[in-house]
Amino acid sequence: MTRDDTLEACAPATLYHDGHCPLCQREVAWLEGHPHRARIRLVDIQAPDFDAASLGTSLEAMMGRLHVHDAEGRWYIGMDASRALYAVLGYRRLVWLSTLPGVKGMMDAGYRWFARRRLRLGRWLQQRQQVRDKE
C-alpha cells in the first residue's frame, strides 16, 4: 500500500471489531459518540450472526488484525485499517503524519505488538480500573 492509499478511504466505511476485547470496546464507545459517526458502520465480529466467510475470510484472520472496508470496496488491514478509519472521520493530517518515512514503520510495528497483546492488556486495564473504583 502506498503512503496515500489510506487517505483515499471513502465513507461510509465499515469497521470490523472484536466486541469481546476490552480495549476495542472503549474505542467503539468513543466512535459511537463521534460527531462524524454517520461516516462509519461498526460490526462486531464476535456477534452470533457474523459470518466472516461471506466476506471471503475467516474469523481467525479477522481476530488477528483490524479490518476496515470502505465505500469503494477497498480493504484496509492492521495499522492501515486504523489510518483509513481516522481518515474517514476527518483526521487526514494525523493520518498523513503517520505515513511519513520512519514514523510509518514504527507505528506499523507498534500496532503489530499491540494486536498480539490487546486482550491481555485489556484485561490488565480492567483489573486496574476495578481496583481504582473500589478505593
Protein backbone atom coordinates (compact mmCIF):
# COMPACT_ATOMS: atom_id res chain seq x y z
CA MET A 1 0.00 0.00 0.00
CA THR A 2 1.36 3.43 -0.87
CA ARG A 3 1.67 6.28 1.61
CA ASP A 4 -1.50 7.97 0.38
CA ASP A 5 -3.78 4.93 -0.05
CA THR A 6 -5.31 5.20 3.41
CA LEU A 7 -6.04 8.89 2.84
CA GLU A 8 -8.30 7.88 -0.05
CA ALA A 9 -10.61 5.77 2.12
CA CYS A 10 -14.24 6.68 1.41
CA ALA A 11 -17.23 6.88 3.71
CA PRO A 12 -19.17 5.07 4.74
CA ALA A 13 -16.52 2.67 5.96
CA THR A 14 -17.19 -0.49 7.92
CA LEU A 15 -15.02 -1.23 10.94
CA TYR A 16 -14.93 -4.90 11.91
CA HIS A 17 -14.04 -5.06 15.61
CA ASP A 18 -13.77 -7.65 18.37
CA GLY A 19 -16.67 -6.97 20.71
CA HIS A 20 -15.07 -9.09 23.45
CA CYS A 21 -11.86 -7.05 23.57
CA PRO A 22 -11.94 -4.51 26.44
CA LEU A 23 -9.75 -2.01 24.58
CA CYS A 24 -11.80 -2.41 21.40
CA GLN A 25 -14.96 -1.79 23.44
CA ARG A 26 -13.53 1.52 24.65
CA GLU A 27 -12.65 2.58 21.11
CA VAL A 28 -16.09 1.59 19.81
CA ALA A 29 -17.77 3.55 22.62
CA TRP A 30 -15.75 6.60 21.60
CA LEU A 31 -16.64 6.05 17.93
CA GLU A 32 -20.35 5.72 18.75
CA GLY A 33 -20.31 9.24 20.19
CA HIS A 34 -18.13 10.75 17.48
CA PRO A 35 -19.53 13.79 15.64
CA HIS A 36 -18.93 12.02 12.30
CA ARG A 37 -20.45 8.72 13.43
CA ALA A 38 -22.57 8.54 10.25
CA ARG A 39 -19.39 8.01 8.22
CA ILE A 40 -18.72 4.60 9.78
CA ARG A 41 -20.52 1.34 10.35
CA LEU A 42 -19.48 -0.85 13.28
CA VAL A 43 -19.63 -4.63 13.01
CA ASP A 44 -18.82 -6.90 15.94
CA ILE A 45 -17.07 -9.98 14.60
CA GLN A 46 -17.93 -11.81 17.82
CA ALA A 47 -21.69 -11.38 17.24
CA PRO A 48 -23.53 -14.69 16.75
CA ASP A 49 -24.83 -13.66 13.32
CA PHE A 50 -21.44 -12.54 11.95
CA ASP A 51 -20.22 -14.62 9.01
CA ALA A 52 -16.59 -13.99 8.02
CA ALA A 53 -16.85 -16.50 5.17
CA SER A 54 -19.36 -14.21 3.43
CA LEU A 55 -16.54 -11.63 3.27
CA GLY A 56 -14.09 -14.15 1.85
CA THR A 57 -12.07 -14.55 5.03
CA SER A 58 -12.15 -16.35 8.36
CA LEU A 59 -12.90 -15.26 11.90
CA GLU A 60 -9.37 -16.27 12.88
CA ALA A 61 -7.87 -13.93 10.28
CA MET A 62 -10.11 -11.08 11.39
CA MET A 63 -9.30 -11.66 15.07
CA GLY A 64 -5.60 -11.15 14.41
CA ARG A 65 -5.82 -7.68 12.88
CA LEU A 66 -8.27 -4.82 12.49
CA HIS A 67 -10.23 -4.71 9.21
CA VAL A 68 -11.93 -1.76 7.50
CA HIS A 69 -13.92 -1.95 4.26
CA ASP A 70 -14.67 1.36 2.56
CA ALA A 71 -17.46 2.52 0.25
CA GLU A 72 -15.28 1.91 -2.83
CA GLY A 73 -14.82 -1.74 -1.87
CA ARG A 74 -11.22 -1.39 -0.68
CA TRP A 75 -9.98 -3.38 2.30
CA TYR A 76 -7.56 -1.94 4.84
CA ILE A 77 -5.97 -4.27 7.36
CA GLY A 78 -3.91 -3.73 10.51
CA MET A 79 -2.50 -0.25 11.07
CA ASP A 80 -3.73 0.73 7.60
CA ALA A 81 -7.27 -0.02 8.83
CA SER A 82 -6.77 2.44 11.69
CA ARG A 83 -5.40 5.03 9.27
CA ALA A 84 -8.33 4.56 6.88
CA LEU A 85 -10.84 4.78 9.72
CA TYR A 86 -9.35 8.02 11.03
CA ALA A 87 -9.11 9.47 7.52
CA VAL A 88 -12.83 8.82 7.03
CA LEU A 89 -13.54 10.50 10.38
CA GLY A 90 -11.70 13.63 9.24
CA TYR A 91 -8.27 13.24 10.83
CA ARG A 92 -6.42 13.25 7.50
CA ARG A 93 -3.50 15.38 8.71
CA LEU A 94 -2.74 12.95 11.53
CA VAL A 95 -3.07 10.03 9.12
CA TRP A 96 -0.69 11.72 6.71
CA LEU A 97 1.82 12.27 9.53
CA SER A 98 1.54 8.58 10.45
CA THR A 99 2.66 7.62 6.94
CA LEU A 100 5.90 9.62 6.93
CA PRO A 101 9.01 7.50 6.38
CA GLY A 102 10.26 6.20 9.70
CA VAL A 103 7.04 7.10 11.51
CA LYS A 104 5.05 4.62 9.40
CA GLY A 105 7.41 1.76 10.18
CA MET A 106 7.39 2.50 13.91
CA MET A 107 3.59 2.78 14.02
CA ASP A 108 3.12 -0.40 12.00
CA ALA A 109 5.48 -2.28 14.34
CA GLY A 110 3.72 -0.80 17.37
CA TYR A 111 0.36 -1.92 16.01
CA ARG A 112 1.62 -5.48 15.48
CA TRP A 113 2.97 -5.55 19.04
CA PHE A 114 -0.30 -4.20 20.42
CA ALA A 115 -2.53 -6.51 18.32
CA ARG A 116 -0.80 -9.60 19.69
CA ARG A 117 -1.28 -8.41 23.27
CA ARG A 118 -4.57 -6.49 23.12
CA LEU A 119 -6.65 -8.98 25.09
CA ARG A 120 -4.09 -9.31 27.86
CA LEU A 121 -3.60 -5.54 28.01
CA GLY A 122 -7.36 -5.01 28.08
CA ARG A 123 -7.84 -7.40 30.98
CA TRP A 124 -4.99 -5.76 32.87
CA LEU A 125 -6.53 -2.29 32.38
CA GLN A 126 -9.94 -3.58 33.51
CA GLN A 127 -8.40 -5.00 36.68
CA ARG A 128 -6.64 -1.72 37.40
CA GLN A 129 -9.88 0.20 36.88
CA GLN A 130 -11.74 -2.15 39.25
CA VAL A 131 -9.11 -1.58 41.93
CA ARG A 132 -9.40 2.20 41.48
CA ASP A 133 -13.20 2.02 41.63
CA LYS A 134 -13.01 0.19 44.99
CA GLU A 135 -10.72 2.82 46.52
